[in-house]
Amino acid sequence: MATKIKIAGKEFELSRLKLKDWSRLESLKVELDIATSKHDITEIFNCMVKFIEVAILPSPSKVEWDKLPWYEFAMVYDQAVRVNLPTIDFPILHGGGSDNKKQPWEYSGRAWYFWFSLFAANFGWTEDVIANLDIDDALGLYQEIQLNEQLQREWEWGLSEIAYPYDKSTKTSKYKPLTRPSWMMPLIPKQLPVVKMKKSHIPMGNIVDLSSEPEKKSKNGI
């Protein structure tokens, strides 16, 4: 569903992009991360402008962005980002961080060819079908592809001798599971640190710990 948005007094349409156009936004996010790590204010601004112009129809390319109030510019960019976020929190999206360094095989626009190659190879779909996938559908299928590949690797690993290293202390071979990516690992709740309380902060009077005492019964014995 499209949302109307005003920029410099003119009305534009902001809608959720399909996979091919959305992949252009992802490429711009990478460029923005690199510019941010370098503290390149000009390039940060340019990346944000490009992001908005891809996300909004018709493209507001004639808007003088440098003359727009900063709060209006920030609001437009924020809305463009929010509309194009996945609505499902896929575990694979939390598979690791980024060091903001461009790899040798990276280039502008590669994000689309990644998705195109992935789905064409796995499902034999045409470019038009892939280009018009919803973001959530694309990410959900991507996670399933990665999951199936990992489980297949684990199966093949279990059939190999290297999966059963010899333990000299027990003189037996014990199965060593193949390491799984972080997004497939169970979440471990963080333990709160134990902090010592200052003597001046301890309340006056006797302190009684009731946590280990049995609950007192009511008059009715319940």
Protein backbone atom coordinates (compact mmCIF):
# COMPACT_ATOMS: atom_id res chain seq x y z
CA MET A 1 0.00 0.00 0.00
CA ALA A 2 1.45 3.35 -1.08
CA THR A 3 1.91 6.28 1.31
CA LYS A 4 1.75 9.90 0.22
CA ILE A 5 4.65 12.04 1.34
CA LYS A 6 5.45 15.73 0.82
CA ILE A 7 8.92 16.97 0.00
CA ALA A 8 9.53 20.70 -0.43
CA GLY A 9 5.78 21.20 -0.82
CA LYS A 10 5.42 18.57 -3.58
CA GLU A 11 3.61 15.27 -3.17
CA PHE A 12 5.33 11.95 -3.87
CA GLU A 13 4.45 8.29 -3.39
CA LEU A 14 6.38 6.07 -1.01
CA SER A 15 5.77 2.34 -1.41
CA ARG A 16 7.47 -0.93 -0.52
CA LEU A 17 9.86 -1.91 -3.31
CA LYS A 18 10.13 -5.31 -4.94
CA LEU A 19 13.34 -7.33 -4.75
CA LYS A 20 15.30 -5.85 -7.69
CA ASP A 21 14.78 -2.22 -6.67
CA TRP A 22 15.14 -3.13 -2.98
CA SER A 23 18.54 -4.68 -3.70
CA ARG A 24 19.68 -1.26 -4.94
CA LEU A 25 18.82 0.13 -1.51
CA GLU A 26 20.92 -2.58 0.13
CA SER A 27 23.90 -1.65 -2.05
CA LEU A 28 23.48 1.99 -1.04
CA LYS A 29 23.41 0.95 2.64
CA VAL A 30 26.83 -0.67 2.18
CA GLU A 31 28.16 2.53 0.56
CA LEU A 32 26.65 4.54 3.41
CA ASP A 33 28.34 2.32 6.02
CA ILE A 34 31.70 2.82 4.31
CA ALA A 35 31.21 6.60 4.11
CA THR A 36 30.18 6.68 7.79
CA SER A 37 33.28 4.73 8.85
CA LYS A 38 35.40 7.31 6.99
CA HIS A 39 33.43 10.25 8.48
CA ASP A 40 32.90 11.50 4.93
CA ILE A 41 29.97 13.90 5.47
CA THR A 42 29.58 14.73 1.77
CA GLU A 43 29.43 11.08 0.72
CA ILE A 44 27.04 10.25 3.59
CA PHE A 45 24.69 12.96 2.33
CA ASN A 46 24.99 11.78 -1.29
CA CYS A 47 24.24 8.16 -0.34
CA MET A 48 21.15 9.21 1.60
CA VAL A 49 19.93 11.29 -1.37
CA LYS A 50 20.40 8.34 -3.75
CA PHE A 51 18.54 6.09 -1.30
CA ILE A 52 15.54 8.43 -1.20
CA GLU A 53 15.47 8.87 -4.97
CA VAL A 54 15.35 5.08 -5.48
CA ALA A 55 12.67 4.55 -2.84
CA ILE A 56 10.21 7.29 -3.85
CA LEU A 57 8.04 7.52 -6.98
CA PRO A 58 8.16 9.49 -9.10
CA SER A 59 11.84 10.00 -8.34
CA PRO A 60 12.28 13.41 -6.66
CA SER A 61 15.58 13.92 -8.51
CA LYS A 62 14.89 17.62 -9.11
CA VAL A 63 14.55 18.41 -5.39
CA GLU A 64 17.35 20.64 -4.08
CA TRP A 65 18.21 18.42 -1.15
CA ASP A 66 20.88 20.71 0.26
CA LYS A 67 18.28 23.45 0.67
CA LEU A 68 15.79 21.22 2.47
CA PRO A 69 15.56 21.68 6.27
CA TRP A 70 17.64 18.97 7.93
CA TYR A 71 14.72 17.63 9.96
CA GLU A 72 12.56 17.24 6.84
CA PHE A 73 15.41 15.50 4.99
CA ALA A 74 16.00 13.15 7.93
CA MET A 75 12.27 12.39 8.18
CA VAL A 76 12.01 11.53 4.47
CA TYR A 77 15.06 9.23 4.65
CA ASP A 78 13.77 7.54 7.81
CA GLN A 79 10.38 6.85 6.20
CA ALA A 80 12.05 5.45 3.07
CA VAL A 81 14.10 3.08 5.25
CA ARG A 82 11.18 1.98 7.42
CA VAL A 83 8.82 1.17 4.54
CA ASN A 84 11.45 -1.12 3.00
CA LEU A 85 12.43 -3.06 6.12
CA PRO A 86 11.58 -6.77 6.31
CA THR A 87 8.48 -7.34 8.43
CA ILE A 88 9.81 -10.69 9.70
CA ASP A 89 12.85 -10.90 11.98
CA PHE A 90 14.66 -13.71 10.14
CA PRO A 91 17.47 -15.25 12.27
CA ILE A 92 19.81 -15.21 9.28
CA LEU A 93 19.77 -11.41 9.36
CA HIS A 94 21.73 -11.61 12.63
CA GLY A 95 24.44 -13.91 11.34
CA GLY A 96 27.35 -11.57 12.04
CA GLY A 97 28.64 -8.05 11.89
CA SER A 98 30.38 -6.02 9.23
CA ASP A 99 33.82 -4.47 9.36
CA ASN A 100 32.76 -1.76 6.87
CA LYS A 101 35.53 -2.83 4.49
CA LYS A 102 34.74 -3.32 0.83
CA GLN A 103 35.75 -6.77 -0.38
CA PRO A 104 37.60 -7.14 -3.72
CA TRP A 105 34.57 -8.80 -5.34
CA GLU A 106 32.14 -6.07 -4.29
CA TYR A 107 30.87 -3.54 -6.81
CA SER A 108 27.97 -1.13 -7.13
CA GLY A 109 24.80 -3.07 -7.97
CA ARG A 110 26.12 -6.50 -6.93
CA ALA A 111 23.24 -7.03 -4.48
CA TRP A 112 20.77 -7.61 -7.33
CA TYR A 113 23.01 -10.12 -9.11
CA PHE A 114 23.43 -11.99 -5.83
CA TRP A 115 19.66 -12.49 -5.54
CA PHE A 116 19.24 -13.15 -9.26
CA SER A 117 21.96 -15.82 -9.25
CA LEU A 118 20.70 -17.40 -6.01
CA PHE A 119 17.09 -17.96 -7.08
CA ALA A 120 17.84 -18.71 -10.73
CA ALA A 121 20.29 -21.45 -9.68
CA ASN A 122 18.03 -22.96 -6.99
CA PHE A 123 14.59 -22.66 -8.61
CA GLY A 124 15.19 -21.90 -12.27
CA TRP A 125 13.09 -18.74 -12.06
CA THR A 126 13.25 -16.00 -14.70
CA GLU A 127 14.53 -12.50 -14.04
CA ASP A 128 11.01 -11.00 -14.01
CA VAL A 129 9.78 -13.43 -11.36
CA ILE A 130 12.78 -12.82 -9.13
CA ALA A 131 12.70 -9.05 -9.59
CA ASN A 132 9.10 -8.86 -8.34
CA LEU A 133 9.50 -10.97 -5.21
CA ASP A 134 8.40 -9.44 -1.92
CA ILE A 135 11.31 -8.76 0.43
CA ASP A 136 10.01 -11.13 3.12
CA ASP A 137 9.52 -13.94 0.60
CA ALA A 138 13.05 -13.45 -0.75
CA LEU A 139 14.64 -13.47 2.71
CA GLY A 140 12.58 -16.44 3.87
CA LEU A 141 13.62 -18.47 0.82
CA TYR A 142 17.24 -17.37 1.25
CA GLN A 143 17.26 -18.62 4.84
CA GLU A 144 15.77 -21.97 3.79
CA ILE A 145 18.42 -22.37 1.08
CA GLN A 146 21.17 -21.68 3.60
CA LEU A 147 19.58 -24.03 6.13
CA ASN A 148 19.31 -26.90 3.62
CA GLU A 149 22.93 -26.41 2.53
CA GLN A 150 24.14 -26.44 6.14
CA LEU A 151 22.20 -29.62 6.98
CA GLN A 152 23.57 -31.29 3.86
CA ARG A 153 27.12 -30.34 4.90
CA GLU A 154 26.47 -31.76 8.38
CA TRP A 155 25.23 -35.04 6.87
CA GLU A 156 28.32 -35.35 4.66
CA TRP A 157 30.54 -34.36 7.60
CA GLY A 158 29.06 -37.17 9.74
CA LEU A 159 30.05 -39.72 7.08
CA SER A 160 33.71 -38.66 7.06
CA GLU A 161 36.50 -39.89 9.31
CA ILE A 162 37.57 -36.39 10.33
CA ALA A 163 34.25 -36.01 12.19
CA TYR A 164 35.48 -38.63 14.70
CA PRO A 165 38.82 -37.42 16.12
CA TYR A 166 40.77 -39.87 18.29
CA ASP A 167 40.94 -39.01 22.00
CA LYS A 168 44.25 -40.28 23.44
CA SER A 169 43.05 -40.02 27.04
CA THR A 170 40.04 -42.30 26.52
CA LYS A 171 41.53 -44.18 23.56
CA THR A 172 38.27 -43.80 21.68
CA SER A 173 36.95 -41.79 18.77
CA LYS A 174 34.27 -39.27 19.60
CA TYR A 175 31.95 -37.47 17.18
CA LYS A 176 32.71 -33.77 16.78
CA PRO A 177 29.76 -31.85 15.24
CA LEU A 178 30.35 -29.48 12.36
CA THR A 179 30.30 -25.85 13.50
CA ARG A 180 27.03 -24.10 12.70
CA PRO A 181 26.72 -20.42 11.73
CA SER A 182 25.80 -18.09 14.59
CA TRP A 183 22.24 -17.49 13.33
CA MET A 184 21.47 -21.22 13.77
CA MET A 185 22.70 -21.33 17.35
CA PRO A 186 20.24 -21.08 20.29
CA LEU A 187 20.00 -17.71 21.95
CA ILE A 188 21.73 -17.53 25.32
CA PRO A 189 20.27 -14.98 27.74
CA LYS A 190 22.80 -12.50 29.01
CA GLN A 191 23.65 -12.75 32.71
CA LEU A 192 23.28 -9.52 34.60
CA PRO A 193 26.53 -8.49 36.31
CA VAL A 194 26.67 -8.72 40.11
CA VAL A 195 27.33 -5.26 41.50
CA LYS A 196 28.33 -4.67 45.11
CA MET A 197 26.18 -2.13 46.90
CA LYS A 198 27.89 0.69 48.76
CA LYS A 199 27.49 0.59 52.51
CA SER A 200 25.96 4.06 52.42
CA HIS A 201 23.19 2.77 50.10
CA ILE A 202 22.14 -0.14 52.36
CA PRO A 203 18.77 0.60 54.06
CA MET A 204 18.63 0.92 57.85
CA GLY A 205 17.37 -1.95 60.01
CA ASN A 206 17.47 -5.72 59.76
CA ILE A 207 17.34 -7.27 56.28
CA VAL A 208 15.48 -10.61 56.07
CA ASP A 209 15.83 -12.88 53.01
CA LEU A 210 12.43 -14.52 52.44
CA SER A 211 13.30 -16.12 49.10
CA SER A 212 14.10 -19.52 50.67
CA GLU A 213 11.20 -19.60 53.18
CA PRO A 214 8.04 -21.60 52.36
CA GLU A 215 5.00 -19.53 51.46
CA LYS A 216 2.73 -18.81 54.42
CA LYS A 217 -0.70 -20.36 54.23
CA SER A 218 -3.81 -18.22 54.52
CA LYS A 219 -6.42 -18.71 57.22
CA ASN A 220 -8.31 -21.10 54.92
CA GLY A 221 -5.22 -23.25 54.54
CA ILE A 222 -4.88 -22.49 50.81
